[in-house]
Amino acid sequence: MKNFALIGAAGYIAPRHIKAIADTGNNLMVAYDKFDSVGRLDSSFPDCSFFTEQEQFNRFCSKQMHTDDKLDWTTICTPNYTHDAFIRYRLRLGTDVICEKPLVLNAYFCNCVCTTPSWH
């Protein structure tokens, strides 16, 4: 069983990610969204911690990474223009990332997100 964090819990695509996490027998440990009308978490993951403040969410996740029950994956379900920043932060935190497309909006940001190809 893997532990997941979800960013953008109130978004359009989030219910599909929540269902996939549940259907695969994994655990949604923590979720974040600016909007707190997210009753959809309760039915599948009643013990999921939920935050409406990004700083509190980040603090929870950082502390969790120093326990035996670390976060393994982060799924990002936010507007396209936020994907780049969330991906970079979560990779630095030490989780793998699942993100709907596009990962970045401009080719300029590819070197920030991806490993530089060996031919550079």
N, C-alpha and C. Protein backbone atom coordinates (compact mmCIF):
# COMPACT_ATOMS: atom_id res chain seq x y z
N MET A 1 0.84 -1.17 0.00
CA MET A 1 0.00 0.00 0.00
C MET A 1 0.89 1.24 0.00
N LYS A 2 0.57 2.18 -0.86
CA LYS A 2 1.30 3.45 -0.97
C LYS A 2 0.47 4.57 -0.36
N ASN A 3 1.16 5.57 0.19
CA ASN A 3 0.52 6.75 0.75
C ASN A 3 0.53 7.88 -0.26
N PHE A 4 -0.62 8.53 -0.43
CA PHE A 4 -0.78 9.59 -1.41
C PHE A 4 -1.12 10.92 -0.74
N ALA A 5 -0.69 11.99 -1.41
CA ALA A 5 -1.15 13.34 -1.12
C ALA A 5 -1.86 13.80 -2.39
N LEU A 6 -2.89 14.62 -2.26
CA LEU A 6 -3.62 15.12 -3.41
C LEU A 6 -3.71 16.63 -3.32
N ILE A 7 -3.32 17.30 -4.39
CA ILE A 7 -3.41 18.75 -4.47
C ILE A 7 -4.50 19.09 -5.47
N GLY A 8 -5.50 19.85 -5.03
CA GLY A 8 -6.62 20.20 -5.89
C GLY A 8 -7.80 19.29 -5.68
N ALA A 9 -8.13 19.01 -4.43
CA ALA A 9 -9.17 18.04 -4.10
C ALA A 9 -10.57 18.45 -4.54
N ALA A 10 -10.82 19.73 -4.74
CA ALA A 10 -12.15 20.18 -5.16
C ALA A 10 -12.28 20.29 -6.67
N GLY A 11 -11.22 19.97 -7.39
CA GLY A 11 -11.21 20.12 -8.83
C GLY A 11 -12.05 19.09 -9.57
N TYR A 12 -12.24 19.37 -10.85
CA TYR A 12 -13.06 18.54 -11.72
C TYR A 12 -12.53 17.10 -11.84
N ILE A 13 -11.23 16.94 -11.94
CA ILE A 13 -10.63 15.63 -12.19
C ILE A 13 -10.34 14.87 -10.90
N ALA A 14 -10.36 15.55 -9.76
CA ALA A 14 -9.99 14.93 -8.48
C ALA A 14 -10.79 13.67 -8.14
N PRO A 15 -12.11 13.62 -8.36
CA PRO A 15 -12.84 12.40 -8.01
C PRO A 15 -12.30 11.15 -8.71
N ARG A 16 -11.83 11.30 -9.92
CA ARG A 16 -11.26 10.15 -10.63
C ARG A 16 -9.97 9.68 -9.99
N HIS A 17 -9.15 10.62 -9.53
CA HIS A 17 -7.90 10.27 -8.87
C HIS A 17 -8.19 9.63 -7.51
N ILE A 18 -9.16 10.18 -6.79
CA ILE A 18 -9.53 9.62 -5.48
C ILE A 18 -10.03 8.18 -5.66
N LYS A 19 -10.87 7.97 -6.66
CA LYS A 19 -11.39 6.63 -6.93
C LYS A 19 -10.26 5.66 -7.31
N ALA A 20 -9.33 6.11 -8.13
CA ALA A 20 -8.21 5.26 -8.54
C ALA A 20 -7.33 4.88 -7.35
N ILE A 21 -7.10 5.83 -6.45
CA ILE A 21 -6.31 5.53 -5.25
C ILE A 21 -7.03 4.48 -4.41
N ALA A 22 -8.33 4.64 -4.22
CA ALA A 22 -9.11 3.69 -3.43
C ALA A 22 -9.19 2.33 -4.12
N ASP A 23 -9.46 2.33 -5.43
CA ASP A 23 -9.62 1.06 -6.17
C ASP A 23 -8.35 0.23 -6.21
N THR A 24 -7.20 0.88 -6.09
CA THR A 24 -5.93 0.15 -6.13
C THR A 24 -5.42 -0.22 -4.74
N GLY A 25 -6.25 0.04 -3.73
CA GLY A 25 -5.90 -0.37 -2.37
C GLY A 25 -4.86 0.51 -1.70
N ASN A 26 -4.73 1.74 -2.16
CA ASN A 26 -3.76 2.65 -1.57
C ASN A 26 -4.45 3.60 -0.60
N ASN A 27 -3.68 4.47 0.04
CA ASN A 27 -4.18 5.32 1.10
C ASN A 27 -3.99 6.79 0.73
N LEU A 28 -5.08 7.55 0.72
CA LEU A 28 -4.99 8.99 0.56
C LEU A 28 -4.81 9.57 1.95
N MET A 29 -3.60 9.99 2.26
CA MET A 29 -3.25 10.44 3.60
C MET A 29 -3.60 11.91 3.83
N VAL A 30 -3.43 12.75 2.80
CA VAL A 30 -3.62 14.18 2.98
C VAL A 30 -4.05 14.81 1.66
N ALA A 31 -4.89 15.84 1.76
CA ALA A 31 -5.35 16.55 0.57
C ALA A 31 -5.37 18.04 0.85
N TYR A 32 -5.27 18.81 -0.24
CA TYR A 32 -5.28 20.26 -0.14
C TYR A 32 -6.13 20.87 -1.25
N ASP A 33 -6.88 21.88 -0.89
CA ASP A 33 -7.57 22.73 -1.85
C ASP A 33 -7.96 24.01 -1.13
N LYS A 34 -8.01 25.11 -1.86
CA LYS A 34 -8.43 26.38 -1.27
C LYS A 34 -9.89 26.33 -0.82
N PHE A 35 -10.67 25.49 -1.48
CA PHE A 35 -12.10 25.40 -1.19
C PHE A 35 -12.35 24.20 -0.28
N ASP A 36 -13.17 24.41 0.74
CA ASP A 36 -13.39 23.35 1.72
C ASP A 36 -14.66 22.55 1.50
N SER A 37 -15.28 22.68 0.35
CA SER A 37 -16.50 21.92 0.06
C SER A 37 -16.14 20.60 -0.61
N VAL A 38 -15.38 19.80 0.10
CA VAL A 38 -14.84 18.57 -0.49
C VAL A 38 -15.33 17.36 0.30
N GLY A 39 -16.61 17.14 0.36
CA GLY A 39 -17.16 15.98 1.06
C GLY A 39 -16.80 14.68 0.38
N ARG A 40 -16.30 14.74 -0.84
CA ARG A 40 -15.97 13.52 -1.59
C ARG A 40 -14.86 12.71 -0.95
N LEU A 41 -14.05 13.30 -0.10
CA LEU A 41 -12.96 12.56 0.55
C LEU A 41 -13.50 11.62 1.63
N ASP A 42 -14.54 12.05 2.31
CA ASP A 42 -15.05 11.32 3.47
C ASP A 42 -15.51 9.90 3.16
N SER A 43 -16.11 9.69 2.01
CA SER A 43 -16.65 8.36 1.71
C SER A 43 -15.56 7.33 1.46
N SER A 44 -14.46 7.73 0.86
CA SER A 44 -13.39 6.77 0.57
C SER A 44 -12.26 6.79 1.58
N PHE A 45 -11.97 7.97 2.12
CA PHE A 45 -10.83 8.12 3.03
C PHE A 45 -11.21 8.99 4.22
N PRO A 46 -11.96 8.44 5.18
CA PRO A 46 -12.44 9.24 6.31
C PRO A 46 -11.31 9.76 7.21
N ASP A 47 -10.14 9.13 7.18
CA ASP A 47 -9.02 9.56 8.02
C ASP A 47 -8.07 10.51 7.31
N CYS A 48 -8.40 10.90 6.09
CA CYS A 48 -7.56 11.79 5.30
C CYS A 48 -7.52 13.18 5.95
N SER A 49 -6.32 13.70 6.16
CA SER A 49 -6.18 15.07 6.65
C SER A 49 -6.43 16.01 5.48
N PHE A 50 -7.14 17.11 5.74
CA PHE A 50 -7.47 18.05 4.67
C PHE A 50 -7.11 19.46 5.10
N PHE A 51 -6.48 20.21 4.18
CA PHE A 51 -6.05 21.57 4.46
C PHE A 51 -6.54 22.52 3.38
N THR A 52 -6.93 23.73 3.80
CA THR A 52 -7.29 24.79 2.86
C THR A 52 -6.17 25.83 2.77
N GLU A 53 -5.16 25.71 3.58
CA GLU A 53 -4.01 26.60 3.55
C GLU A 53 -2.79 25.82 3.07
N GLN A 54 -2.17 26.29 2.00
CA GLN A 54 -1.05 25.57 1.40
C GLN A 54 0.12 25.43 2.38
N GLU A 55 0.35 26.45 3.20
CA GLU A 55 1.46 26.38 4.15
C GLU A 55 1.26 25.26 5.17
N GLN A 56 0.04 25.10 5.64
CA GLN A 56 -0.24 24.02 6.60
C GLN A 56 -0.12 22.65 5.94
N PHE A 57 -0.61 22.55 4.71
CA PHE A 57 -0.48 21.32 3.94
C PHE A 57 1.00 20.97 3.74
N ASN A 58 1.79 21.95 3.33
CA ASN A 58 3.22 21.71 3.11
C ASN A 58 3.92 21.28 4.40
N ARG A 59 3.56 21.91 5.50
CA ARG A 59 4.17 21.56 6.80
C ARG A 59 3.82 20.13 7.19
N PHE A 60 2.56 19.75 7.04
CA PHE A 60 2.13 18.38 7.33
C PHE A 60 2.94 17.39 6.49
N CYS A 61 3.03 17.66 5.19
CA CYS A 61 3.74 16.74 4.29
C CYS A 61 5.22 16.65 4.64
N SER A 62 5.85 17.78 4.93
CA SER A 62 7.27 17.78 5.29
C SER A 62 7.51 16.97 6.56
N LYS A 63 6.66 17.16 7.56
CA LYS A 63 6.80 16.40 8.80
C LYS A 63 6.57 14.91 8.56
N GLN A 64 5.61 14.59 7.69
CA GLN A 64 5.29 13.19 7.41
C GLN A 64 6.47 12.46 6.78
N MET A 65 7.29 13.18 6.03
CA MET A 65 8.43 12.56 5.34
C MET A 65 9.51 12.11 6.31
N HIS A 66 9.42 12.54 7.56
CA HIS A 66 10.39 12.15 8.59
C HIS A 66 9.83 11.09 9.53
N THR A 67 8.80 10.40 9.08
CA THR A 67 8.20 9.33 9.89
C THR A 67 8.35 8.00 9.15
N ASP A 68 7.92 6.94 9.78
CA ASP A 68 7.92 5.63 9.13
C ASP A 68 6.79 5.50 8.12
N ASP A 69 5.85 6.42 8.15
CA ASP A 69 4.67 6.38 7.28
C ASP A 69 4.76 7.51 6.25
N LYS A 70 5.84 7.49 5.44
CA LYS A 70 6.12 8.55 4.47
C LYS A 70 5.10 8.60 3.34
N LEU A 71 5.01 9.76 2.73
CA LEU A 71 4.22 9.92 1.51
C LEU A 71 5.02 9.34 0.34
N ASP A 72 4.38 8.55 -0.49
CA ASP A 72 5.04 7.96 -1.64
C ASP A 72 4.74 8.73 -2.92
N TRP A 73 3.51 9.18 -3.06
CA TRP A 73 3.03 9.79 -4.30
C TRP A 73 2.25 11.06 -4.00
N THR A 74 2.33 12.00 -4.94
CA THR A 74 1.46 13.17 -4.93
C THR A 74 0.74 13.21 -6.26
N THR A 75 -0.56 13.38 -6.24
CA THR A 75 -1.32 13.56 -7.46
C THR A 75 -1.80 15.01 -7.51
N ILE A 76 -1.57 15.63 -8.66
CA ILE A 76 -1.86 17.05 -8.83
C ILE A 76 -3.07 17.22 -9.74
N CYS A 77 -4.11 17.84 -9.21
CA CYS A 77 -5.37 18.03 -9.93
C CYS A 77 -5.75 19.51 -9.90
N THR A 78 -4.84 20.34 -10.32
CA THR A 78 -5.02 21.79 -10.25
C THR A 78 -5.05 22.40 -11.65
N PRO A 79 -5.34 23.70 -11.76
CA PRO A 79 -5.30 24.35 -13.08
C PRO A 79 -3.91 24.23 -13.72
N ASN A 80 -3.90 24.19 -15.04
CA ASN A 80 -2.66 23.95 -15.79
C ASN A 80 -1.50 24.86 -15.40
N TYR A 81 -1.77 26.14 -15.17
CA TYR A 81 -0.68 27.07 -14.91
C TYR A 81 0.02 26.81 -13.57
N THR A 82 -0.55 25.98 -12.71
CA THR A 82 0.08 25.68 -11.42
C THR A 82 0.88 24.38 -11.43
N HIS A 83 0.77 23.59 -12.47
CA HIS A 83 1.40 22.27 -12.50
C HIS A 83 2.91 22.34 -12.27
N ASP A 84 3.60 23.22 -12.98
CA ASP A 84 5.05 23.31 -12.91
C ASP A 84 5.54 23.49 -11.47
N ALA A 85 5.00 24.47 -10.77
CA ALA A 85 5.45 24.76 -9.40
C ALA A 85 5.16 23.60 -8.45
N PHE A 86 3.97 23.01 -8.55
CA PHE A 86 3.64 21.89 -7.68
C PHE A 86 4.51 20.67 -7.97
N ILE A 87 4.78 20.39 -9.23
CA ILE A 87 5.63 19.25 -9.58
C ILE A 87 7.02 19.43 -8.99
N ARG A 88 7.62 20.59 -9.22
CA ARG A 88 8.99 20.83 -8.72
C ARG A 88 9.05 20.71 -7.20
N TYR A 89 8.08 21.30 -6.51
CA TYR A 89 8.09 21.24 -5.04
C TYR A 89 7.96 19.80 -4.55
N ARG A 90 7.04 19.04 -5.12
CA ARG A 90 6.80 17.69 -4.64
C ARG A 90 7.98 16.77 -4.93
N LEU A 91 8.63 16.95 -6.08
CA LEU A 91 9.83 16.15 -6.36
C LEU A 91 10.94 16.48 -5.37
N ARG A 92 11.11 17.75 -5.02
CA ARG A 92 12.10 18.13 -4.01
C ARG A 92 11.75 17.53 -2.65
N LEU A 93 10.46 17.42 -2.36
CA LEU A 93 10.02 16.84 -1.09
C LEU A 93 10.38 15.35 -1.03
N GLY A 94 10.41 14.69 -2.18
CA GLY A 94 10.78 13.29 -2.21
C GLY A 94 9.67 12.34 -2.61
N THR A 95 8.55 12.88 -3.11
CA THR A 95 7.48 12.00 -3.56
C THR A 95 7.53 11.87 -5.08
N ASP A 96 7.01 10.79 -5.59
CA ASP A 96 6.77 10.69 -7.02
C ASP A 96 5.51 11.49 -7.30
N VAL A 97 5.31 11.87 -8.58
CA VAL A 97 4.21 12.77 -8.92
C VAL A 97 3.39 12.20 -10.07
N ILE A 98 2.07 12.30 -9.91
CA ILE A 98 1.12 12.02 -10.99
C ILE A 98 0.45 13.35 -11.30
N CYS A 99 0.49 13.75 -12.58
CA CYS A 99 -0.09 15.02 -12.96
C CYS A 99 -0.75 14.88 -14.31
N GLU A 100 -1.97 15.42 -14.41
CA GLU A 100 -2.62 15.43 -15.71
C GLU A 100 -1.85 16.37 -16.63
N LYS A 101 -2.05 16.24 -17.91
CA LYS A 101 -1.34 17.11 -18.84
C LYS A 101 -2.03 18.46 -18.94
N PRO A 102 -1.31 19.49 -19.32
CA PRO A 102 0.11 19.56 -19.63
C PRO A 102 0.94 19.71 -18.35
N LEU A 103 2.15 19.18 -18.38
CA LEU A 103 3.03 19.32 -17.23
C LEU A 103 3.54 20.76 -17.12
N VAL A 104 3.84 21.36 -18.25
CA VAL A 104 4.25 22.76 -18.30
C VAL A 104 3.53 23.44 -19.46
N LEU A 105 3.41 24.75 -19.40
CA LEU A 105 2.71 25.50 -20.44
C LEU A 105 3.65 26.05 -21.51
N ASN A 106 4.94 26.07 -21.21
CA ASN A 106 5.91 26.66 -22.11
C ASN A 106 7.17 25.79 -22.11
N ALA A 107 7.78 25.58 -23.27
CA ALA A 107 8.97 24.73 -23.37
C ALA A 107 10.11 25.25 -22.50
N TYR A 108 10.13 26.54 -22.21
CA TYR A 108 11.16 27.11 -21.35
C TYR A 108 11.24 26.39 -20.01
N PHE A 109 10.11 25.96 -19.48
CA PHE A 109 10.07 25.34 -18.16
C PHE A 109 10.46 23.87 -18.17
N CYS A 110 10.63 23.27 -19.32
CA CYS A 110 10.98 21.84 -19.39
C CYS A 110 12.28 21.54 -18.67
N ASN A 111 13.28 22.38 -18.80
CA ASN A 111 14.55 22.14 -18.13
C ASN A 111 14.43 22.28 -16.62
N CYS A 112 13.40 23.00 -16.17
CA CYS A 112 13.19 23.15 -14.73
C CYS A 112 12.54 21.90 -14.14
N VAL A 113 11.75 21.22 -14.94
CA VAL A 113 11.00 20.07 -14.44
C VAL A 113 11.73 18.77 -14.72
N CYS A 114 12.22 18.64 -15.92
CA CYS A 114 12.78 17.37 -16.38
C CYS A 114 14.30 17.35 -16.22
N THR A 115 14.85 16.16 -16.20
CA THR A 115 16.30 16.01 -16.18
C THR A 115 16.82 16.43 -17.54
N THR A 116 17.92 17.16 -17.54
CA THR A 116 18.51 17.62 -18.79
C THR A 116 18.98 16.43 -19.61
N PRO A 117 18.62 16.36 -20.90
CA PRO A 117 19.05 15.24 -21.73
C PRO A 117 20.57 15.17 -21.81
N SER A 118 21.10 13.98 -22.01
CA SER A 118 22.55 13.78 -22.03
C SER A 118 23.22 14.48 -23.20
N TRP A 119 22.48 14.81 -24.26
CA TRP A 119 23.09 15.46 -25.42
C TRP A 119 23.29 16.95 -25.21
N HIS A 120 22.86 17.51 -24.10
CA HIS A 120 23.10 18.95 -23.82
C HIS A 120 24.46 19.16 -23.25
